[in-house]
Amino acid sequence: MVPFLPELVPALERHGHLVLSEDVREQLLELSSATADRLLRPLRQEDKRRGISTTRRGTLLKHQVPVRTFADWAETEPGFVEADLVAHCGHRAEGAFLYTLVLTDVATGWTECLPLLFRTQEAVVQALERARALLPMALLGLDTDNGSEFLNAELLAHCQREQITFTRGRAYRKNDQCYVEQKNGSIVRHLVGYDRFEGSAAYRQLAELYRAVRLYVNYFQPSMKLRTKHWEGGRARR
């Protein structure tokens, strides 16, 4: 922000959005990046928000869906994806609100985001079908958490019918889904934030955002991935 202040401040003043005394204006234009960070730190702490978990355990089909841990991901062939839902509920989980289904390919990091108007089994399967049409590779495997929106008869039958390998992570072990969890933060939370979104109008806006974002993220942004990790004494080297 600081390098743009000499252009930004006069523009804001010219359009009536900012009124400064000469002393304050001079100080603002001489502001350093370190000073700006120090002045803004209390405001950033006040506005520091985190999402809340809305995952409800699906227990009936656990024995039919094999567990896969983070150590088991050795696929070099594209098509094996991790899936997760991000809730756009703000600070309260009551009522109806939007979700985002995030799919991340383990081998390539390719990510698709699709909005859900409701968190139902049918909505997840329909979004998965839309994602299959968008993915540049065949969907070979699906790995999810233990939420009831994933561990249900409808999604299990869909994966069996389409010959998609269906696995799940361990409960309360987010590292088992480390690839999609990273994209939840760097794409969805970074661009959409933690506000609450409801209704069809917000759903259409979110769909339009993801329509453009998928091209920007997948074609023009680098994707970092851990290649190796070893221990030297008590310290991990990545």
Protein backbone atom coordinates (compact mmCIF):
# COMPACT_ATOMS: atom_id res chain seq x y z
CA MET A 1 0.00 0.00 0.00
CA VAL A 2 2.72 2.48 0.98
CA PRO A 3 4.29 2.89 -2.51
CA PHE A 4 0.88 3.90 -3.89
CA LEU A 5 0.10 6.58 -1.30
CA PRO A 6 1.52 9.50 -3.38
CA GLU A 7 -1.05 8.66 -6.08
CA LEU A 8 -3.83 7.35 -3.85
CA VAL A 9 -4.03 10.24 -1.37
CA PRO A 10 -4.45 13.03 -3.98
CA ALA A 11 -7.07 10.94 -5.80
CA LEU A 12 -9.08 10.40 -2.60
CA GLU A 13 -8.83 14.11 -1.79
CA ARG A 14 -9.86 15.09 -5.30
CA HIS A 15 -13.03 13.00 -5.13
CA GLY A 16 -13.95 14.10 -1.63
CA HIS A 17 -13.25 10.79 0.16
CA LEU A 18 -10.42 12.15 2.31
CA VAL A 19 -9.85 15.47 4.09
CA LEU A 20 -6.42 15.99 5.68
CA SER A 21 -4.58 18.85 7.29
CA GLU A 22 -1.27 19.77 5.72
CA ASP A 23 0.70 18.32 8.65
CA VAL A 24 -1.13 14.99 8.59
CA ARG A 25 -0.87 14.81 4.79
CA GLU A 26 2.90 15.33 4.97
CA GLN A 27 3.30 12.64 7.62
CA LEU A 28 1.14 10.21 5.66
CA LEU A 29 3.18 10.64 2.48
CA GLU A 30 6.42 10.09 4.41
CA LEU A 31 5.11 6.93 6.09
CA SER A 32 7.36 3.86 5.96
CA SER A 33 6.10 0.30 5.51
CA ALA A 34 7.30 -0.70 9.00
CA THR A 35 5.42 2.20 10.60
CA ALA A 36 2.27 1.37 8.63
CA ASP A 37 2.44 -2.23 9.86
CA ARG A 38 2.88 -1.06 13.46
CA LEU A 39 -0.06 1.36 13.25
CA LEU A 40 -2.37 -1.15 11.60
CA ARG A 41 -1.49 -4.12 13.86
CA PRO A 42 -4.17 -3.40 16.54
CA LEU A 43 -6.87 -3.05 13.88
CA ARG A 44 -5.83 -6.28 12.20
CA GLN A 45 -5.98 -8.13 15.53
CA GLU A 46 -9.51 -6.80 16.19
CA ASP A 47 -10.71 -7.96 12.78
CA LYS A 48 -8.91 -11.31 12.84
CA ARG A 49 -11.66 -13.84 12.19
CA ARG A 50 -11.65 -17.60 11.96
CA GLY A 51 -14.16 -20.01 10.55
CA ILE A 52 -16.13 -22.43 12.71
CA SER A 53 -16.50 -26.13 12.07
CA THR A 54 -19.87 -27.38 10.81
CA THR A 55 -18.80 -30.98 10.17
CA ARG A 56 -21.26 -33.56 11.48
CA ARG A 57 -19.96 -37.06 11.79
CA GLY A 58 -21.29 -39.67 9.44
CA THR A 59 -20.96 -42.98 11.27
CA LEU A 60 -23.24 -45.43 9.49
CA LEU A 61 -20.96 -46.10 6.48
CA LYS A 62 -17.55 -45.70 8.10
CA HIS A 63 -16.78 -49.39 7.87
CA GLN A 64 -17.48 -49.35 4.10
CA VAL A 65 -15.10 -46.47 3.30
CA PRO A 66 -11.42 -47.29 3.93
CA VAL A 67 -9.20 -44.88 5.85
CA ARG A 68 -6.37 -43.10 4.07
CA THR A 69 -3.77 -41.06 5.96
CA PHE A 70 -1.49 -38.27 4.75
CA ALA A 71 1.38 -40.79 4.58
CA ASP A 72 -0.53 -42.92 2.05
CA TRP A 73 -0.68 -40.21 -0.64
CA ALA A 74 1.97 -41.30 -3.13
CA GLU A 75 -0.02 -40.86 -6.34
CA THR A 76 1.89 -39.38 -9.25
CA GLU A 77 -1.03 -39.91 -11.62
CA PRO A 78 -3.52 -37.04 -11.79
CA GLY A 79 -7.12 -37.79 -10.89
CA PHE A 80 -6.97 -38.59 -7.17
CA VAL A 81 -8.53 -35.64 -5.33
CA GLU A 82 -9.16 -34.56 -1.75
CA ALA A 83 -12.56 -32.97 -1.10
CA ASP A 84 -13.81 -30.70 1.67
CA LEU A 85 -16.67 -28.30 2.42
CA VAL A 86 -16.09 -24.71 3.52
CA ALA A 87 -18.97 -23.10 5.41
CA HIS A 88 -19.89 -19.47 4.74
CA CYS A 89 -21.79 -19.06 8.00
CA GLY A 90 -19.98 -16.13 9.59
CA HIS A 91 -19.88 -16.54 13.38
CA ARG A 92 -23.08 -18.55 13.78
CA ALA A 93 -24.04 -21.91 12.35
CA GLU A 94 -27.81 -21.47 12.71
CA GLY A 95 -30.10 -21.33 9.70
CA ALA A 96 -29.33 -21.83 6.01
CA PHE A 97 -26.11 -20.53 4.46
CA LEU A 98 -23.85 -21.30 1.52
CA TYR A 99 -21.00 -23.78 1.33
CA THR A 100 -18.11 -24.25 -1.07
CA LEU A 101 -17.07 -27.71 -2.21
CA VAL A 102 -13.30 -27.69 -2.76
CA LEU A 103 -11.58 -30.44 -4.77
CA THR A 104 -7.77 -30.56 -4.98
CA ASP A 105 -5.84 -32.99 -7.15
CA VAL A 106 -3.03 -34.53 -5.10
CA ALA A 107 -0.54 -34.97 -7.94
CA THR A 108 -0.88 -31.57 -9.65
CA GLY A 109 -2.54 -29.25 -7.12
CA TRP A 110 -5.33 -28.44 -9.62
CA THR A 111 -8.28 -27.08 -7.63
CA GLU A 112 -11.97 -26.68 -8.40
CA CYS A 113 -14.36 -24.71 -6.15
CA LEU A 114 -18.13 -25.03 -6.49
CA PRO A 115 -20.80 -23.26 -4.40
CA LEU A 116 -23.57 -25.21 -2.68
CA LEU A 117 -26.88 -23.59 -1.79
CA PHE A 118 -27.54 -26.30 0.82
CA ARG A 119 -25.40 -28.98 2.44
CA THR A 120 -27.25 -32.10 1.35
CA GLN A 121 -26.17 -35.42 -0.07
CA GLU A 122 -27.83 -34.59 -3.39
CA ALA A 123 -26.14 -31.18 -3.62
CA VAL A 124 -22.70 -32.73 -3.01
CA VAL A 125 -23.21 -35.38 -5.71
CA GLN A 126 -24.48 -32.78 -8.20
CA ALA A 127 -21.50 -30.50 -7.49
CA LEU A 128 -19.16 -33.46 -7.89
CA GLU A 129 -20.64 -34.16 -11.31
CA ARG A 130 -20.14 -30.51 -12.33
CA ALA A 131 -16.54 -30.72 -11.13
CA ARG A 132 -15.92 -33.83 -13.24
CA ALA A 133 -16.89 -31.85 -16.32
CA LEU A 134 -14.43 -29.09 -15.38
CA LEU A 135 -11.44 -31.20 -14.34
CA PRO A 136 -8.79 -31.58 -17.06
CA MET A 137 -8.27 -35.20 -15.99
CA ALA A 138 -10.52 -38.17 -15.25
CA LEU A 139 -11.66 -38.40 -11.63
CA LEU A 140 -10.11 -41.64 -10.34
CA GLY A 141 -10.23 -41.26 -6.56
CA LEU A 142 -12.07 -39.19 -3.95
CA ASP A 143 -10.82 -38.68 -0.40
CA THR A 144 -13.03 -36.85 2.14
CA ASP A 145 -13.39 -36.20 5.85
CA ASN A 146 -15.92 -38.03 8.01
CA GLY A 147 -18.81 -35.58 7.59
CA SER A 148 -22.28 -36.93 6.92
CA GLU A 149 -22.44 -34.95 3.65
CA PHE A 150 -19.75 -37.33 2.33
CA LEU A 151 -20.24 -40.57 4.26
CA ASN A 152 -23.67 -41.46 2.96
CA ALA A 153 -25.25 -44.13 0.78
CA GLU A 154 -25.85 -41.79 -2.16
CA LEU A 155 -22.23 -40.68 -2.60
CA LEU A 156 -20.93 -44.19 -1.95
CA ALA A 157 -23.24 -45.63 -4.61
CA HIS A 158 -22.27 -42.85 -7.04
CA CYS A 159 -18.56 -43.62 -6.61
CA GLN A 160 -19.13 -47.35 -7.02
CA ARG A 161 -21.23 -46.77 -10.15
CA GLU A 162 -18.63 -44.43 -11.69
CA GLN A 163 -15.67 -46.60 -10.55
CA ILE A 164 -14.19 -43.85 -8.37
CA THR A 165 -12.04 -45.01 -5.46
CA PHE A 166 -13.66 -43.58 -2.29
CA THR A 167 -11.54 -43.15 0.85
CA ARG A 168 -11.69 -41.04 4.02
CA GLY A 169 -9.27 -39.47 6.48
CA ARG A 170 -9.10 -40.14 10.20
CA ALA A 171 -11.39 -38.17 12.50
CA TYR A 172 -9.85 -34.96 13.93
CA ARG A 173 -6.67 -35.38 11.81
CA LYS A 174 -6.62 -32.44 9.37
CA ASN A 175 -3.18 -33.50 8.10
CA ASP A 176 -4.89 -36.43 6.39
CA GLN A 177 -6.41 -33.83 4.05
CA CYS A 178 -3.50 -31.42 3.99
CA TYR A 179 -3.70 -30.67 0.24
CA VAL A 180 -7.31 -29.49 0.19
CA GLU A 181 -7.03 -27.80 3.60
CA GLN A 182 -4.23 -25.61 2.22
CA LYS A 183 -6.41 -24.58 -0.73
CA ASN A 184 -9.33 -23.83 1.61
CA GLY A 185 -7.20 -21.10 3.11
CA SER A 186 -5.26 -19.81 0.11
CA ILE A 187 -8.25 -19.68 -2.26
CA VAL A 188 -11.64 -19.69 -0.52
CA ARG A 189 -10.83 -17.88 2.72
CA HIS A 190 -8.36 -15.55 1.02
CA LEU A 191 -10.82 -14.46 -1.69
CA VAL A 192 -14.24 -14.95 -0.08
CA GLY A 193 -13.37 -14.44 3.59
CA TYR A 194 -15.33 -15.41 6.70
CA ASP A 195 -18.58 -13.50 6.20
CA ARG A 196 -22.01 -15.10 6.10
CA PHE A 197 -23.61 -15.68 2.70
CA GLU A 198 -27.22 -16.74 2.16
CA GLY A 199 -29.69 -17.10 -0.69
CA SER A 200 -29.76 -17.52 -4.44
CA ALA A 201 -28.26 -14.12 -5.29
CA ALA A 202 -25.15 -14.80 -3.21
CA TYR A 203 -24.98 -18.31 -4.70
CA ARG A 204 -24.92 -16.90 -8.24
CA GLN A 205 -22.26 -14.34 -7.32
CA LEU A 206 -20.09 -17.04 -5.74
CA ALA A 207 -20.46 -19.25 -8.81
CA GLU A 208 -19.39 -16.36 -11.05
CA LEU A 209 -16.37 -15.67 -8.84
CA TYR A 210 -15.23 -19.30 -8.97
CA ARG A 211 -15.78 -19.41 -12.74
CA ALA A 212 -13.04 -16.79 -13.16
CA VAL A 213 -10.88 -17.82 -10.20
CA ARG A 214 -10.35 -21.39 -11.42
CA LEU A 215 -8.54 -20.09 -14.51
CA TYR A 216 -6.45 -17.58 -12.56
CA VAL A 217 -5.43 -20.06 -9.86
CA ASN A 218 -4.82 -23.13 -11.98
CA TYR A 219 -3.11 -21.49 -14.97
CA PHE A 220 -1.35 -18.44 -13.58
CA GLN A 221 -0.52 -19.15 -9.93
CA PRO A 222 2.28 -21.44 -8.66
CA SER A 223 1.34 -24.31 -6.38
CA MET A 224 3.88 -25.43 -3.80
CA LYS A 225 4.00 -29.03 -2.64
CA LEU A 226 6.14 -30.83 -0.07
CA ARG A 227 8.44 -33.27 -1.87
CA THR A 228 10.44 -34.79 0.99
CA LYS A 229 10.80 -34.52 4.77
CA HIS A 230 13.50 -36.05 6.94
CA TRP A 231 14.63 -35.68 10.53
CA GLU A 232 18.01 -34.43 11.69
CA GLY A 233 18.11 -35.06 15.40
CA GLY A 234 14.94 -33.49 16.72
CA ARG A 235 14.41 -31.14 13.79
CA ALA A 236 12.40 -31.80 10.63
CA ARG A 237 13.93 -30.76 7.32
CA ARG A 238 11.39 -30.18 4.54
